[in-house]
C-alpha atoms as a PDB file:
ATOM      1  CA  MET A   1       9.482  -8.162   2.288  1.00  0.00           C
ATOM      2  CA  ASP A   2       8.241  -8.930  -1.259  1.00  0.00           C
ATOM      3  CA  SER A   3       8.363 -12.701  -0.743  1.00  0.00           C
ATOM      4  CA  ALA A   4       5.210 -12.599   1.407  1.00  0.00           C
ATOM      5  CA  ILE A   5       3.265 -10.599  -1.189  1.00  0.00           C
ATOM      6  CA  PRO A   6       1.709 -12.535  -4.088  1.00  0.00           C
ATOM      7  CA  ASP A   7       2.468 -11.275  -7.587  1.00  0.00           C
ATOM      8  CA  LYS A   8      -0.797  -9.414  -8.248  1.00  0.00           C
ATOM      9  CA  VAL A   9      -1.722  -5.853  -9.158  1.00  0.00           C
ATOM     10  CA  TYR A  10      -4.620  -5.382  -6.720  1.00  0.00           C
ATOM     11  CA  PHE A  11      -5.537  -6.939  -3.377  1.00  0.00           C
ATOM     12  CA  ARG A  12      -8.806  -6.935  -1.440  1.00  0.00           C
ATOM     13  CA  ILE A  13      -8.773  -5.911   2.196  1.00  0.00           C
ATOM     14  CA  GLY A  14      -9.202  -9.530   3.337  1.00  0.00           C
ATOM     15  CA  GLU A  15      -6.115 -10.577   1.404  1.00  0.00           C
ATOM     16  CA  VAL A  16      -4.146  -7.645   2.807  1.00  0.00           C
ATOM     17  CA  SER A  17      -5.182  -8.468   6.363  1.00  0.00           C
ATOM     18  CA  ARG A  18      -4.077 -12.107   5.882  1.00  0.00           C
ATOM     19  CA  ILE A  19      -0.713 -11.011   4.432  1.00  0.00           C
ATOM     20  CA  LEU A  20      -0.173  -8.630   7.365  1.00  0.00           C
ATOM     21  CA  GLY A  21      -1.574 -10.959  10.009  1.00  0.00           C
ATOM     22  CA  VAL A  22      -3.946  -8.313  11.398  1.00  0.00           C
ATOM     23  CA  GLU A  23      -7.704  -7.780  11.319  1.00  0.00           C
ATOM     24  CA  PRO A  24      -9.274  -5.733   8.475  1.00  0.00           C
ATOM     25  CA  TYR A  25     -10.268  -2.943  10.885  1.00  0.00           C
ATOM     26  CA  VAL A  26      -6.573  -2.474  11.713  1.00  0.00           C
ATOM     27  CA  VAL A  27      -5.782  -2.081   8.005  1.00  0.00           C
ATOM     28  CA  ARG A  28      -8.565   0.507   7.673  1.00  0.00           C
ATOM     29  CA  TYR A  29      -7.270   2.361  10.755  1.00  0.00           C
ATOM     30  CA  TRP A  30      -3.710   2.443   9.431  1.00  0.00           C
ATOM     31  CA  GLU A  31      -5.085   3.687   6.115  1.00  0.00           C
ATOM     32  CA  SER A  32      -6.704   6.605   7.933  1.00  0.00           C
ATOM     33  CA  GLU A  33      -3.525   7.410   9.891  1.00  0.00           C
ATOM     34  CA  PHE A  34      -0.985   7.055   7.076  1.00  0.00           C
ATOM     35  CA  LYS A  35      -2.185   9.197   4.168  1.00  0.00           C
ATOM     36  CA  THR A  36       0.312   7.688   1.729  1.00  0.00           C
ATOM     37  CA  ILE A  37      -1.700   4.460   1.770  1.00  0.00           C
ATOM     38  CA  LYS A  38      -4.420   5.154  -0.775  1.00  0.00           C
ATOM     39  CA  PRO A  39      -6.349   2.129  -2.015  1.00  0.00           C
ATOM     40  CA  VAL A  40      -8.274   2.474  -5.247  1.00  0.00           C
ATOM     41  CA  ARG A  41     -12.052   2.371  -4.809  1.00  0.00           C
ATOM     42  CA  THR A  42     -14.201   0.254  -7.128  1.00  0.00           C
ATOM     43  CA  GLY A  43     -17.669   1.171  -8.363  1.00  0.00           C
ATOM     44  CA  ALA A  44     -19.065  -0.831  -5.443  1.00  0.00           C
ATOM     45  CA  ASP A  45     -16.853   1.261  -3.089  1.00  0.00           C
ATOM     46  CA  GLN A  46     -14.573  -1.687  -2.257  1.00  0.00           C
ATOM     47  CA  ARG A  47     -10.950  -1.029  -1.453  1.00  0.00           C
ATOM     48  CA  ARG A  48      -8.323  -2.350  -3.859  1.00  0.00           C
ATOM     49  CA  TYR A  49      -4.802  -2.093  -2.487  1.00  0.00           C
ATOM     50  CA  ARG A  50      -1.845  -1.952  -4.857  1.00  0.00           C
ATOM     51  CA  LYS A  51       1.359  -3.813  -4.163  1.00  0.00           C
ATOM     52  CA  LYS A  52       3.046  -0.573  -3.033  1.00  0.00           C
ATOM     53  CA  ASP A  53       0.243  -0.072  -0.462  1.00  0.00           C
ATOM     54  CA  VAL A  54       0.784  -3.587   0.890  1.00  0.00           C
ATOM     55  CA  GLU A  55       4.549  -3.004   1.063  1.00  0.00           C
ATOM     56  CA  GLU A  56       4.003   0.230   2.952  1.00  0.00           C
ATOM     57  CA  LEU A  57       1.557  -1.472   5.319  1.00  0.00           C
ATOM     58  CA  LEU A  58       4.159  -4.166   6.008  1.00  0.00           C
ATOM     59  CA  LEU A  59       6.627  -1.402   6.849  1.00  0.00           C
ATOM     60  CA  VAL A  60       4.051   0.263   9.123  1.00  0.00           C
ATOM     61  CA  LYS A  61       3.477  -3.047  10.902  1.00  0.00           C
ATOM     62  CA  LYS A  62       7.235  -3.520  11.350  1.00  0.00           C
ATOM     63  CA  LEU A  63       7.651  -0.006  12.744  1.00  0.00           C
ATOM     64  CA  LEU A  64       4.729  -0.377  15.153  1.00  0.00           C
ATOM     65  CA  TYR A  65       5.054  -3.992  16.283  1.00  0.00           C
ATOM     66  CA  GLU A  66       8.758  -4.807  15.979  1.00  0.00           C
ATOM     67  CA  GLU A  67      10.475  -1.461  16.477  1.00  0.00           C
ATOM     68  CA  GLY A  68       8.009  -0.093  19.037  1.00  0.00           C
ATOM     69  CA  PHE A  69       7.138   3.198  17.336  1.00  0.00           C
ATOM     70  CA  THR A  70       3.940   5.050  18.157  1.00  0.00           C
ATOM     71  CA  ILE A  71       1.604   5.980  15.295  1.00  0.00           C
ATOM     72  CA  ALA A  72       3.053   9.504  15.234  1.00  0.00           C
ATOM     73  CA  GLY A  73       6.607   8.170  15.409  1.00  0.00           C
ATOM     74  CA  ALA A  74       5.980   5.681  12.609  1.00  0.00           C
ATOM     75  CA  ARG A  75       4.433   8.440  10.477  1.00  0.00           C
ATOM     76  CA  LYS A  76       7.533  10.588  11.030  1.00  0.00           C
ATOM     77  CA  ARG A  77       9.893   7.687  10.307  1.00  0.00           C
ATOM     78  CA  LEU A  78       8.062   6.880   7.049  1.00  0.00           C
ATOM     79  CA  GLY A  79       8.470  10.503   6.003  1.00  0.00           C
ATOM     80  CA  GLU A  80      12.193  10.309   6.730  1.00  0.00           C
ATOM     81  CA  LEU A  81      12.536   7.091   4.733  1.00  0.00           C
ATOM     82  CA  LYS A  82      10.763   8.622   1.744  1.00  0.00           C
ATOM     83  CA  LYS A  83      12.944  11.743   1.963  1.00  0.00           C
ATOM     84  CA  ASN A  84      16.097   9.615   1.932  1.00  0.00           C
ATOM     85  CA  GLY A  85      15.062   7.863  -1.269  1.00  0.00           C
ATOM     86  CA  SER A  86      13.489   4.671   0.073  1.00  0.00           C
ATOM     87  CA  GLY A  87      10.114   5.640  -1.363  1.00  0.00           C
ATOM     88  CA  GLY A  88       9.885   3.342  -4.389  1.00  0.00           C
ATOM     89  CA  ASN A  89       9.025   6.149  -6.826  1.00  0.00           C
ATOM     90  CA  ASP A  90      10.109   4.122  -9.882  1.00  0.00           C
ATOM     91  CA  LEU A  91       7.593   1.399  -9.106  1.00  0.00           C
ATOM     92  CA  ASP A  92       4.842   3.991  -8.658  1.00  0.00           C
ATOM     93  CA  ARG A  93       5.699   5.537 -12.007  1.00  0.00           C
ATOM     94  CA  LEU A  94       5.656   2.175 -13.765  1.00  0.00           C
ATOM     95  CA  ILE A  95       2.288   1.266 -12.238  1.00  0.00           C
ATOM     96  CA  ASP A  96       0.833   4.609 -13.345  1.00  0.00           C
ATOM     97  CA  ILE A  97       2.218   4.162 -16.864  1.00  0.00           C
ATOM     98  CA  LYS A  98       0.792   0.648 -17.080  1.00  0.00           C
ATOM     99  CA  LYS A  99      -2.603   1.870 -15.887  1.00  0.00           C
ATOM    100  CA  GLY A 100      -2.583   4.685 -18.452  1.00  0.00           C
ATOM    101  CA  LEU A 101      -1.650   2.301 -21.255  1.00  0.00           C
ATOM    102  CA  GLN A 102      -4.429  -0.079 -20.251  1.00  0.00           C
ATOM    103  CA  GLU A 103      -6.933   2.791 -20.325  1.00  0.00           C
ATOM    104  CA  LEU A 104      -5.709   3.811 -23.801  1.00  0.00           C
ATOM    105  CA  ARG A 105      -6.044   0.229 -24.987  1.00  0.00           C
ATOM    106  CA  LYS A 106      -9.660   0.122 -23.779  1.00  0.00           C
ATOM    107  CA  MET A 107     -10.381   3.326 -25.677  1.00  0.00           C
ATOM    108  CA  ILE A 108      -8.925   1.901 -28.896  1.00  0.00           C
ATOM    109  CA  ASP A 109     -10.661  -1.490 -28.686  1.00  0.00           C
END
């Protein structure tokens, strides 16, 4: 799954839609249906998706398009996967730590 995702911290919605192979409005719709996908908003109110968001969107696409789940079924399946430990919490923690350190660095400089 990671091989299709470039090694970047943030992605614009156009990049995410190209990675997923769907239109940007589909990405926005999935964002509204799956509350765990939370892009960061810039000052200009643009969405910036983190790598974990893109990974989760790829999983959503797989559940919907390849495995034939409905939106509600995919939402339930994602919850089950997270409960069973497939949530990627370590990566989330590391990203949050990195972000906090970068903010501290800005304050010091």
